[in-house]
PDB file of N, CA and C in Angstrom:
ATOM      1  N   MET A   1     -19.760  -6.415 -14.096  1.00  0.00           N
ATOM      2  CA  MET A   1     -19.971  -4.810 -14.058  1.00  0.00           C
ATOM      3  C   MET A   1     -19.043  -4.285 -13.244  1.00  0.00           C
ATOM      4  N   PRO A   2     -18.155  -3.366 -13.589  1.00  0.00           N
ATOM      5  CA  PRO A   2     -16.926  -2.943 -12.676  1.00  0.00           C
ATOM      6  C   PRO A   2     -17.721  -2.066 -11.634  1.00  0.00           C
ATOM      7  N   GLN A   3     -16.920  -1.788 -10.603  1.00  0.00           N
ATOM      8  CA  GLN A   3     -17.420  -1.214  -9.447  1.00  0.00           C
ATOM      9  C   GLN A   3     -17.263   0.532  -9.795  1.00  0.00           C
ATOM     10  N   ILE A   4     -18.218   1.207  -9.539  1.00  0.00           N
ATOM     11  CA  ILE A   4     -18.235   2.740  -9.764  1.00  0.00           C
ATOM     12  C   ILE A   4     -18.514   3.320  -8.597  1.00  0.00           C
ATOM     13  N   TRP A   5     -17.488   4.219  -8.075  1.00  0.00           N
ATOM     14  CA  TRP A   5     -17.812   4.827  -6.777  1.00  0.00           C
ATOM     15  C   TRP A   5     -17.905   6.436  -7.223  1.00  0.00           C
ATOM     16  N   MET A   6     -18.993   7.022  -6.609  1.00  0.00           N
ATOM     17  CA  MET A   6     -19.094   8.516  -6.764  1.00  0.00           C
ATOM     18  C   MET A   6     -19.219   9.241  -5.727  1.00  0.00           C
ATOM     19  N   THR A   7     -19.032  10.683  -5.669  1.00  0.00           N
ATOM     20  CA  THR A   7     -19.063  11.361  -4.520  1.00  0.00           C
ATOM     21  C   THR A   7     -20.688  11.853  -4.848  1.00  0.00           C
ATOM     22  N   TYR A   8     -21.191  12.274  -3.565  1.00  0.00           N
ATOM     23  CA  TYR A   8     -22.595  12.911  -3.531  1.00  0.00           C
ATOM     24  C   TYR A   8     -22.988  13.863  -4.443  1.00  0.00           C
ATOM     25  N   ARG A   9     -22.101  14.618  -4.828  1.00  0.00           N
ATOM     26  CA  ARG A   9     -22.199  15.940  -5.826  1.00  0.00           C
ATOM     27  C   ARG A   9     -22.332  15.078  -7.227  1.00  0.00           C
ATOM     28  N   GLU A  10     -21.434  14.094  -7.666  1.00  0.00           N
ATOM     29  CA  GLU A  10     -21.545  13.320  -8.844  1.00  0.00           C
ATOM     30  C   GLU A  10     -22.690  12.474  -8.887  1.00  0.00           C
ATOM     31  N   MET A  11     -23.228  12.023  -7.907  1.00  0.00           N
ATOM     32  CA  MET A  11     -24.496  11.215  -7.931  1.00  0.00           C
ATOM     33  C   MET A  11     -25.639  12.317  -8.176  1.00  0.00           C
ATOM     34  N   ALA A  12     -25.552  13.511  -7.372  1.00  0.00           N
ATOM     35  CA  ALA A  12     -26.434  14.221  -7.699  1.00  0.00           C
ATOM     36  C   ALA A  12     -26.608  15.049  -9.159  1.00  0.00           C
ATOM     37  N   ASP A  13     -25.560  15.140  -9.643  1.00  0.00           N
ATOM     38  CA  ASP A  13     -25.636  15.524 -11.092  1.00  0.00           C
ATOM     39  C   ASP A  13     -26.045  14.387 -12.086  1.00  0.00           C
ATOM     40  N   MET A  14     -25.954  13.320 -11.790  1.00  0.00           N
ATOM     41  CA  MET A  14     -26.421  12.154 -12.474  1.00  0.00           C
ATOM     42  C   MET A  14     -27.921  11.907 -12.133  1.00  0.00           C
ATOM     43  N   LEU A  15     -28.431  12.205 -11.008  1.00  0.00           N
ATOM     44  CA  LEU A  15     -29.848  11.872 -10.536  1.00  0.00           C
ATOM     45  C   LEU A  15     -30.805  13.310 -10.914  1.00  0.00           C
ATOM     46  N   GLY A  16     -29.897  14.334 -11.067  1.00  0.00           N
ATOM     47  CA  GLY A  16     -30.731  15.580 -11.223  1.00  0.00           C
ATOM     48  C   GLY A  16     -31.305  16.042  -9.834  1.00  0.00           C
ATOM     49  N   CYS A  17     -30.617  16.106  -8.877  1.00  0.00           N
ATOM     50  CA  CYS A  17     -31.089  16.562  -7.343  1.00  0.00           C
ATOM     51  C   CYS A  17     -29.742  17.161  -6.869  1.00  0.00           C
ATOM     52  N   ASP A  18     -30.022  17.563  -5.454  1.00  0.00           N
ATOM     53  CA  ASP A  18     -28.986  18.330  -4.770  1.00  0.00           C
ATOM     54  C   ASP A  18     -28.271  17.144  -4.129  1.00  0.00           C
ATOM     55  N   GLY A  19     -27.055  17.502  -3.461  1.00  0.00           N
ATOM     56  CA  GLY A  19     -26.174  16.431  -2.645  1.00  0.00           C
ATOM     57  C   GLY A  19     -26.702  15.996  -1.496  1.00  0.00           C
ATOM     58  N   ASP A  20     -27.349  16.572  -1.049  1.00  0.00           N
ATOM     59  CA  ASP A  20     -28.239  15.976   0.344  1.00  0.00           C
ATOM     60  C   ASP A  20     -28.989  15.051  -0.077  1.00  0.00           C
ATOM     61  N   THR A  21     -30.051  15.292  -1.116  1.00  0.00           N
ATOM     62  CA  THR A  21     -30.718  14.031  -1.704  1.00  0.00           C
ATOM     63  C   THR A  21     -30.204  12.789  -2.155  1.00  0.00           C
ATOM     64  N   ALA A  22     -29.003  13.172  -2.794  1.00  0.00           N
ATOM     65  CA  ALA A  22     -28.358  11.952  -3.202  1.00  0.00           C
ATOM     66  C   ALA A  22     -27.627  11.356  -2.128  1.00  0.00           C
ATOM     67  N   ARG A  23     -27.421  11.939  -0.954  1.00  0.00           N
ATOM     68  CA  ARG A  23     -26.899  11.299   0.298  1.00  0.00           C
ATOM     69  C   ARG A  23     -27.814  10.383   0.685  1.00  0.00           C
ATOM     70  N   ALA A  24     -29.174  10.979   0.734  1.00  0.00           N
ATOM     71  CA  ALA A  24     -30.173  10.228   1.338  1.00  0.00           C
ATOM     72  C   ALA A  24     -30.580   8.918   0.543  1.00  0.00           C
ATOM     73  N   GLU A  25     -30.350   9.146  -0.912  1.00  0.00           N
ATOM     74  CA  GLU A  25     -30.534   7.976  -1.905  1.00  0.00           C
ATOM     75  C   GLU A  25     -29.674   7.109  -1.550  1.00  0.00           C
ATOM     76  N   ALA A  26     -28.264   7.308  -1.377  1.00  0.00           N
ATOM     77  CA  ALA A  26     -27.376   6.137  -0.959  1.00  0.00           C
ATOM     78  C   ALA A  26     -27.686   5.450   0.357  1.00  0.00           C
ATOM     79  N   ILE A  27     -28.159   6.339   1.149  1.00  0.00           N
ATOM     80  CA  ILE A  27     -28.486   5.665   2.442  1.00  0.00           C
ATOM     81  C   ILE A  27     -29.607   4.713   2.242  1.00  0.00           C
ATOM     82  N   ARG A  28     -30.561   5.512   1.710  1.00  0.00           N
ATOM     83  CA  ARG A  28     -31.801   4.575   1.414  1.00  0.00           C
ATOM     84  C   ARG A  28     -31.578   3.280   0.636  1.00  0.00           C
ATOM     85  N   ARG A  29     -30.649   3.273  -0.166  1.00  0.00           N
ATOM     86  CA  ARG A  29     -30.231   2.195  -1.212  1.00  0.00           C
ATOM     87  C   ARG A  29     -29.310   1.233  -0.590  1.00  0.00           C
ATOM     88  N   SER A  30     -28.752   1.711   0.856  1.00  0.00           N
ATOM     89  CA  SER A  30     -27.734   0.895   1.439  1.00  0.00           C
ATOM     90  C   SER A  30     -26.472   0.661   0.621  1.00  0.00           C
ATOM     91  N   LEU A  31     -26.063   1.810  -0.126  1.00  0.00           N
ATOM     92  CA  LEU A  31     -25.006   1.725  -0.819  1.00  0.00           C
ATOM     93  C   LEU A  31     -23.651   1.653  -0.024  1.00  0.00           C
ATOM     94  N   ASP A  32     -22.537   0.986  -0.295  1.00  0.00           N
ATOM     95  CA  ASP A  32     -21.466   0.794   0.355  1.00  0.00           C
ATOM     96  C   ASP A  32     -20.814   2.258   0.273  1.00  0.00           C
ATOM     97  N   ARG A  33     -20.455   2.942   1.720  1.00  0.00           N
ATOM     98  CA  ARG A  33     -19.782   4.321   1.388  1.00  0.00           C
ATOM     99  C   ARG A  33     -18.532   4.446   1.932  1.00  0.00           C
ATOM    100  N   LYS A  34     -17.659   5.278   1.614  1.00  0.00           N
ATOM    101  CA  LYS A  34     -16.181   5.272   2.368  1.00  0.00           C
ATOM    102  C   LYS A  34     -15.786   6.746   2.325  1.00  0.00           C
ATOM    103  N   LYS A  35     -14.979   7.311   3.188  1.00  0.00           N
ATOM    104  CA  LYS A  35     -14.377   8.587   2.989  1.00  0.00           C
ATOM    105  C   LYS A  35     -13.008   8.259   2.016  1.00  0.00           C
ATOM    106  N   SER A  36     -13.039   9.129   1.145  1.00  0.00           N
ATOM    107  CA  SER A  36     -11.592   9.106   0.334  1.00  0.00           C
ATOM    108  C   SER A  36     -10.627   9.790   0.882  1.00  0.00           C
ATOM    109  N   ARG A  37      -9.280   9.676   0.325  1.00  0.00           N
ATOM    110  CA  ARG A  37      -8.077  10.465   0.734  1.00  0.00           C
ATOM    111  C   ARG A  37      -8.444  11.717   0.783  1.00  0.00           C
ATOM    112  N   ASP A  38      -9.123  12.273  -0.385  1.00  0.00           N
ATOM    113  CA  ASP A  38      -9.441  13.674  -0.584  1.00  0.00           C
ATOM    114  C   ASP A  38     -10.302  14.157   0.365  1.00  0.00           C
ATOM    115  N   GLY A  39     -11.026  13.528   1.361  1.00  0.00           N
ATOM    116  CA  GLY A  39     -12.051  13.892   2.233  1.00  0.00           C
ATOM    117  C   GLY A  39     -13.227  13.769   1.715  1.00  0.00           C
ATOM    118  N   SER A  40     -13.496  13.741   0.552  1.00  0.00           N
ATOM    119  CA  SER A  40     -14.906  13.541  -0.018  1.00  0.00           C
ATOM    120  C   SER A  40     -15.680  11.734   0.424  1.00  0.00           C
ATOM    121  N   THR A  41     -16.909  11.927   0.566  1.00  0.00           N
ATOM    122  CA  THR A  41     -17.573  10.688   0.847  1.00  0.00           C
ATOM    123  C   THR A  41     -18.110  10.246  -0.561  1.00  0.00           C
ATOM    124  N   ARG A  42     -17.540   8.931  -0.854  1.00  0.00           N
ATOM    125  CA  ARG A  42     -17.789   8.180  -2.249  1.00  0.00           C
ATOM    126  C   ARG A  42     -18.714   6.869  -2.024  1.00  0.00           C
ATOM    127  N   ALA A  43     -19.946   6.774  -2.748  1.00  0.00           N
ATOM    128  CA  ALA A  43     -20.675   5.490  -2.531  1.00  0.00           C
ATOM    129  C   ALA A  43     -20.334   4.881  -3.774  1.00  0.00           C
ATOM    130  N   LYS A  44     -20.658   3.380  -3.449  1.00  0.00           N
ATOM    131  CA  LYS A  44     -20.414   2.612  -4.660  1.00  0.00           C
ATOM    132  C   LYS A  44     -21.784   2.516  -5.187  1.00  0.00           C
ATOM    133  N   LEU A  45     -21.818   2.541  -6.428  1.00  0.00           N
ATOM    134  CA  LEU A  45     -23.137   2.593  -7.231  1.00  0.00           C
ATOM    135  C   LEU A  45     -23.619   1.043  -7.177  1.00  0.00           C
ATOM    136  N   ASP A  46     -24.798   0.764  -7.013  1.00  0.00           N
ATOM    137  CA  ASP A  46     -25.571  -0.595  -7.152  1.00  0.00           C
ATOM    138  C   ASP A  46     -25.654  -0.734  -8.753  1.00  0.00           C
ATOM    139  N   PRO A  47     -26.073  -2.003  -9.125  1.00  0.00           N
ATOM    140  CA  PRO A  47     -26.174  -2.331 -10.581  1.00  0.00           C
ATOM    141  C   PRO A  47     -27.020  -1.249 -11.347  1.00  0.00           C
ATOM    142  N   GLU A  48     -28.154  -0.927 -10.663  1.00  0.00           N
ATOM    143  CA  GLU A  48     -29.234  -0.134 -11.569  1.00  0.00           C
ATOM    144  C   GLU A  48     -28.527   1.337 -11.479  1.00  0.00           C
ATOM    145  N   LEU A  49     -27.862   1.725 -10.545  1.00  0.00           N
ATOM    146  CA  LEU A  49     -27.315   3.379 -10.760  1.00  0.00           C
ATOM    147  C   LEU A  49     -26.090   3.012 -11.529  1.00  0.00           C
ATOM    148  N   SER A  50     -25.539   1.943 -11.582  1.00  0.00           N
ATOM    149  CA  SER A  50     -24.278   1.661 -12.504  1.00  0.00           C
ATOM    150  C   SER A  50     -24.818   1.658 -13.996  1.00  0.00           C
ATOM    151  N   ALA A  51     -25.867   1.014 -14.460  1.00  0.00           N
ATOM    152  CA  ALA A  51     -26.351   0.894 -15.363  1.00  0.00           C
ATOM    153  C   ALA A  51     -26.904   2.304 -16.085  1.00  0.00           C
ATOM    154  N   ARG A  52     -27.332   3.115 -15.314  1.00  0.00           N
ATOM    155  CA  ARG A  52     -27.943   4.471 -15.718  1.00  0.00           C
ATOM    156  C   ARG A  52     -26.558   5.256 -15.925  1.00  0.00           C
ATOM    157  N   PHE A  53     -25.633   5.076 -14.908  1.00  0.00           N
ATOM    158  CA  PHE A  53     -24.347   5.837 -15.451  1.00  0.00           C
ATOM    159  C   PHE A  53     -23.851   5.496 -16.605  1.00  0.00           C
ATOM    160  N   VAL A  54     -23.539   4.312 -16.711  1.00  0.00           N
ATOM    161  CA  VAL A  54     -23.064   3.873 -18.293  1.00  0.00           C
ATOM    162  C   VAL A  54     -23.847   4.134 -19.531  1.00  0.00           C
ATOM    163  N   ALA A  55     -25.259   4.047 -19.375  1.00  0.00           N
ATOM    164  CA  ALA A  55     -26.042   4.677 -20.362  1.00  0.00           C
ATOM    165  C   ALA A  55     -25.862   5.957 -20.452  1.00  0.00           C
ATOM    166  N   MET A  56     -25.541   6.770 -19.388  1.00  0.00           N
ATOM    167  CA  MET A  56     -25.427   8.581 -19.614  1.00  0.00           C
ATOM    168  C   MET A  56     -24.289   8.563 -20.462  1.00  0.00           C
ATOM    169  N   ILE A  57     -23.104   7.963 -20.009  1.00  0.00           N
ATOM    170  CA  ILE A  57     -21.968   8.415 -20.955  1.00  0.00           C
ATOM    171  C   ILE A  57     -21.712   7.585 -22.153  1.00  0.00           C
ATOM    172  N   GLY A  58     -22.599   6.693 -22.374  1.00  0.00           N
ATOM    173  CA  GLY A  58     -22.505   5.772 -23.551  1.00  0.00           C
ATOM    174  C   GLY A  58     -22.246   6.383 -24.839  1.00  0.00           C
ATOM    175  N   GLY A  59     -22.982   7.771 -25.072  1.00  0.00           N
ATOM    176  CA  GLY A  59     -23.143   8.607 -26.085  1.00  0.00           C
ATOM    177  C   GLY A  59     -22.242   9.577 -26.086  1.00  0.00           C
ATOM    178  N   ALA A  60     -21.615   9.926 -25.166  1.00  0.00           N
ATOM    179  CA  ALA A  60     -20.387  11.089 -24.980  1.00  0.00           C
ATOM    180  C   ALA A  60     -19.301  11.180 -25.894  1.00  0.00           C
ATOM    181  N   GLU A  61     -18.644  10.130 -26.596  1.00  0.00           N
ATOM    182  CA  GLU A  61     -17.758  10.039 -27.403  1.00  0.00           C
ATOM    183  C   GLU A  61     -18.270   9.288 -28.790  1.00  0.00           C
ATOM    184  N   PRO A  62     -19.321   9.831 -29.480  1.00  0.00           N
ATOM    185  CA  PRO A  62     -19.556   8.951 -30.739  1.00  0.00           C
ATOM    186  C   PRO A  62     -18.435   8.334 -31.513  1.00  0.00           C
ATOM    187  N   ALA A  63     -17.301   8.915 -31.833  1.00  0.00           N
ATOM    188  CA  ALA A  63     -16.263   8.572 -32.296  1.00  0.00           C
ATOM    189  C   ALA A  63     -15.445   7.386 -31.846  1.00  0.00           C
ATOM    190  N   LEU A  64     -15.229   7.428 -30.194  1.00  0.00           N
ATOM    191  CA  LEU A  64     -14.746   6.224 -29.766  1.00  0.00           C
ATOM    192  C   LEU A  64     -15.917   5.093 -29.782  1.00  0.00           C
ATOM    193  N   ASP A  65     -17.140   5.628 -29.415  1.00  0.00           N
ATOM    194  CA  ASP A  65     -18.201   4.302 -29.674  1.00  0.00           C
ATOM    195  C   ASP A  65     -17.941   3.745 -30.945  1.00  0.00           C
ATOM    196  N   GLN A  66     -17.899   4.405 -32.337  1.00  0.00           N
ATOM    197  CA  GLN A  66     -17.802   3.902 -33.301  1.00  0.00           C
ATOM    198  C   GLN A  66     -16.664   2.991 -33.725  1.00  0.00           C
ATOM    199  N   ALA A  67     -15.412   3.376 -33.045  1.00  0.00           N
ATOM    200  CA  ALA A  67     -14.310   2.691 -33.016  1.00  0.00           C
ATOM    201  C   ALA A  67     -14.375   1.222 -32.555  1.00  0.00           C
ATOM    202  N   ILE A  68     -14.953   1.397 -31.098  1.00  0.00           N
ATOM    203  CA  ILE A  68     -15.243  -0.057 -30.537  1.00  0.00           C
ATOM    204  C   ILE A  68     -16.262  -1.065 -31.233  1.00  0.00           C
ATOM    205  N   ARG A  69     -17.295  -0.391 -31.861  1.00  0.00           N
ATOM    206  CA  ARG A  69     -17.913  -1.251 -32.506  1.00  0.00           C
ATOM    207  C   ARG A  69     -17.280  -1.860 -33.651  1.00  0.00           C
ATOM    208  N   ASP A  70     -16.241  -0.983 -34.506  1.00  0.00           N
ATOM    209  CA  ASP A  70     -15.641  -1.529 -35.457  1.00  0.00           C
ATOM    210  C   ASP A  70     -14.607  -2.568 -35.080  1.00  0.00           C
ATOM    211  N   LEU A  71     -13.844  -2.298 -34.159  1.00  0.00           N
ATOM    212  CA  LEU A  71     -13.090  -3.351 -33.578  1.00  0.00           C
ATOM    213  C   LEU A  71     -13.850  -4.731 -33.122  1.00  0.00           C
ATOM    214  N   ARG A  72     -15.075  -4.522 -32.563  1.00  0.00           N
ATOM    215  CA  ARG A  72     -15.648  -5.827 -32.167  1.00  0.00           C
ATOM    216  C   ARG A  72     -16.299  -6.650 -33.368  1.00  0.00           C
ATOM    217  N   THR A  73     -16.751  -5.813 -34.381  1.00  0.00           N
ATOM    218  CA  THR A  73     -17.082  -6.344 -35.542  1.00  0.00           C
ATOM    219  C   THR A  73     -16.026  -7.234 -36.325  1.00  0.00           C
ATOM    220  N   ARG A  74     -14.802  -6.361 -36.492  1.00  0.00           N
ATOM    221  CA  ARG A  74     -13.482  -7.139 -37.118  1.00  0.00           C
ATOM    222  C   ARG A  74     -13.163  -8.094 -36.221  1.00  0.00           C
ATOM    223  N   GLY A  75     -13.232  -8.277 -34.951  1.00  0.00           N
ATOM    224  CA  GLY A  75     -12.833  -9.252 -34.063  1.00  0.00           C
ATOM    225  C   GLY A  75     -13.612 -10.428 -34.319  1.00  0.00           C
ATOM    226  N   ASN A  76     -14.902 -10.132 -34.302  1.00  0.00           N
ATOM    227  CA  ASN A  76     -15.996 -11.211 -34.628  1.00  0.00           C
ATOM    228  C   ASN A  76     -15.982 -11.746 -35.953  1.00  0.00           C
ATOM    229  N   ALA A  77     -15.390 -11.081 -36.962  1.00  0.00           N
ATOM    230  CA  ALA A  77     -15.335 -11.865 -38.439  1.00  0.00           C
ATOM    231  C   ALA A  77     -14.002 -12.567 -38.382  1.00  0.00           C
ATOM    232  N   MET A  78     -12.986 -12.220 -37.457  1.00  0.00           N
ATOM    233  CA  MET A  78     -11.900 -12.914 -37.416  1.00  0.00           C
ATOM    234  C   MET A  78     -12.062 -14.453 -36.865  1.00  0.00           C
ATOM    235  N   SER A  79     -12.758 -14.423 -35.653  1.00  0.00           N
ATOM    236  CA  SER A  79     -12.830 -15.554 -34.808  1.00  0.00           C
ATOM    237  C   SER A  79     -14.064 -16.410 -35.722  1.00  0.00           C
ATOM    238  N   GLN A  80     -14.859 -16.000 -36.690  1.00  0.00           N
ATOM    239  CA  GLN A  80     -15.529 -16.758 -37.263  1.00  0.00           C
ATOM    240  C   GLN A  80     -14.902 -17.490 -38.629  1.00  0.00           C
ATOM    241  N   ASN A  81     -14.193 -16.748 -38.850  1.00  0.00           N
ATOM    242  CA  ASN A  81     -13.145 -17.386 -40.109  1.00  0.00           C
ATOM    243  C   ASN A  81     -12.323 -18.161 -39.820  1.00  0.00           C
ATOM    244  N   GLY A  82     -11.873 -18.332 -38.420  1.00  0.00           N
ATOM    245  CA  GLY A  82     -11.294 -19.474 -37.881  1.00  0.00           C
ATOM    246  C   GLY A  82      -9.643 -19.406 -38.035  1.00  0.00           C
ATOM    247  N   ARG A  83      -9.221 -18.437 -38.574  1.00  0.00           N
ATOM    248  CA  ARG A  83      -7.731 -18.553 -39.075  1.00  0.00           C
ATOM    249  C   ARG A  83      -7.354 -16.980 -38.898  1.00  0.00           C
ATOM    250  N   PRO A  84      -5.960 -16.784 -38.508  1.00  0.00           N
ATOM    251  CA  PRO A  84      -5.613 -15.357 -38.473  1.00  0.00           C
ATOM    252  C   PRO A  84      -5.685 -14.844 -39.755  1.00  0.00           C
ATOM    253  N   SER A  85      -5.699 -13.476 -40.011  1.00  0.00           N
ATOM    254  CA  SER A  85      -5.328 -12.667 -41.280  1.00  0.00           C
ATOM    255  C   SER A  85      -4.034 -12.639 -41.588  1.00  0.00           C
ATOM    256  N   VAL A  86      -3.592 -12.149 -42.807  1.00  0.00           N
ATOM    257  CA  VAL A  86      -2.330 -12.030 -43.195  1.00  0.00           C
ATOM    258  C   VAL A  86      -1.590 -11.316 -42.265  1.00  0.00           C
ATOM    259  N   GLU A  87      -2.233 -10.049 -41.848  1.00  0.00           N
ATOM    260  CA  GLU A  87      -1.329  -9.413 -41.055  1.00  0.00           C
ATOM    261  C   GLU A  87      -1.226  -9.843 -39.693  1.00  0.00           C
ATOM    262  N   GLN A  88      -1.748 -10.459 -39.256  1.00  0.00           N
ATOM    263  CA  GLN A  88      -1.854 -11.291 -37.733  1.00  0.00           C
ATOM    264  C   GLN A  88      -1.233 -12.766 -37.704  1.00  0.00           C
ATOM    265  N   LYS A  89      -0.111 -12.620 -37.038  1.00  0.00           N
ATOM    266  CA  LYS A  89       0.582 -14.182 -36.695  1.00  0.00           C
ATOM    267  C   LYS A  89       0.520 -14.475 -35.541  1.00  0.00           C
ATOM    268  N   THR A  90       0.233 -15.907 -35.159  1.00  0.00           N
ATOM    269  CA  THR A  90       0.040 -16.526 -33.777  1.00  0.00           C
ATOM    270  C   THR A  90       1.504 -16.833 -33.442  1.00  0.00           C
ATOM    271  N   ILE A  91       1.452 -16.740 -32.129  1.00  0.00           N
ATOM    272  CA  ILE A  91       2.654 -17.321 -31.588  1.00  0.00           C
ATOM    273  C   ILE A  91       3.214 -18.873 -31.747  1.00  0.00           C
ATOM    274  N   ALA A  92       2.325 -19.448 -32.121  1.00  0.00           N
ATOM    275  CA  ALA A  92       2.448 -20.901 -32.794  1.00  0.00           C
ATOM    276  C   ALA A  92       3.078 -20.599 -34.208  1.00  0.00           C
ATOM    277  N   ASP A  93       2.852 -19.792 -34.971  1.00  0.00           N
ATOM    278  CA  ASP A  93       3.208 -19.556 -36.314  1.00  0.00           C
ATOM    279  C   ASP A  93       4.644 -19.006 -36.188  1.00  0.00           C
ATOM    280  N   GLU A  94       5.184 -18.115 -35.284  1.00  0.00           N
ATOM    281  CA  GLU A  94       6.369 -17.695 -34.921  1.00  0.00           C
ATOM    282  C   GLU A  94       7.266 -18.826 -34.614  1.00  0.00           C
ATOM    283  N   SER A  95       6.743 -19.652 -33.496  1.00  0.00           N
ATOM    284  CA  SER A  95       7.798 -20.461 -33.094  1.00  0.00           C
ATOM    285  C   SER A  95       7.926 -21.757 -34.283  1.00  0.00           C
ATOM    286  N   ASP A  96       6.904 -22.180 -35.034  1.00  0.00           N
ATOM    287  CA  ASP A  96       7.151 -23.015 -36.038  1.00  0.00           C
ATOM    288  C   ASP A  96       8.137 -22.418 -36.934  1.00  0.00           C
ATOM    289  N   ALA A  97       8.265 -21.171 -37.349  1.00  0.00           N
ATOM    290  CA  ALA A  97       9.096 -20.505 -38.368  1.00  0.00           C
ATOM    291  C   ALA A  97      10.568 -20.339 -37.696  1.00  0.00           C
ATOM    292  N   ALA A  98      10.499 -20.350 -36.606  1.00  0.00           N
ATOM    293  CA  ALA A  98      11.987 -20.291 -35.626  1.00  0.00           C
ATOM    294  C   ALA A  98      12.478 -21.797 -35.789  1.00  0.00           C
ATOM    295  N   ALA A  99      11.839 -22.836 -35.507  1.00  0.00           N
ATOM    296  CA  ALA A  99      11.823 -24.248 -35.404  1.00  0.00           C
ATOM    297  C   ALA A  99      12.600 -24.532 -37.027  1.00  0.00           C
ATOM    298  N   ALA A 100      11.808 -24.033 -37.994  1.00  0.00           N
ATOM    299  CA  ALA A 100      12.263 -24.378 -39.321  1.00  0.00           C
ATOM    300  C   ALA A 100      13.454 -23.782 -39.738  1.00  0.00           C
ATOM    301  N   SER A 101      13.724 -22.551 -39.329  1.00  0.00           N
ATOM    302  CA  SER A 101      15.046 -21.918 -39.784  1.00  0.00           C
ATOM    303  C   SER A 101      15.982 -22.868 -38.876  1.00  0.00           C
ATOM    304  N   LYS A 102      16.071 -23.203 -37.693  1.00  0.00           N
ATOM    305  CA  LYS A 102      17.262 -24.027 -37.288  1.00  0.00           C
ATOM    306  C   LYS A 102      17.716 -24.942 -37.780  1.00  0.00           C
ATOM    307  N   GLN A 103      16.701 -25.751 -38.487  1.00  0.00           N
ATOM    308  CA  GLN A 103      16.962 -27.164 -39.054  1.00  0.00           C
ATOM    309  C   GLN A 103      17.658 -27.060 -40.409  1.00  0.00           C
TER     310      GLN A 103
END
């Protein structure tokens, strides 16, 4: 899971509380915290909060989510097929064609 850093205000929005409560929660959970260049303190979300954040944004862009599902489905179908489709050439195919044209 990627590292997700949030300001206390961003955490508060996600948790449905105020900034002071979000700060107290970050301290209670012993989250890594650091002051950013912009002067805001950010806390690195733990796996539980990261999962909550990802679930929260998961349905934010339905068209993008559908495109990702379509790409995964197509990729799985191609890998199960065991060979590239007509549109897809592998590097090995290109080097074989180049070697054949030189002979």
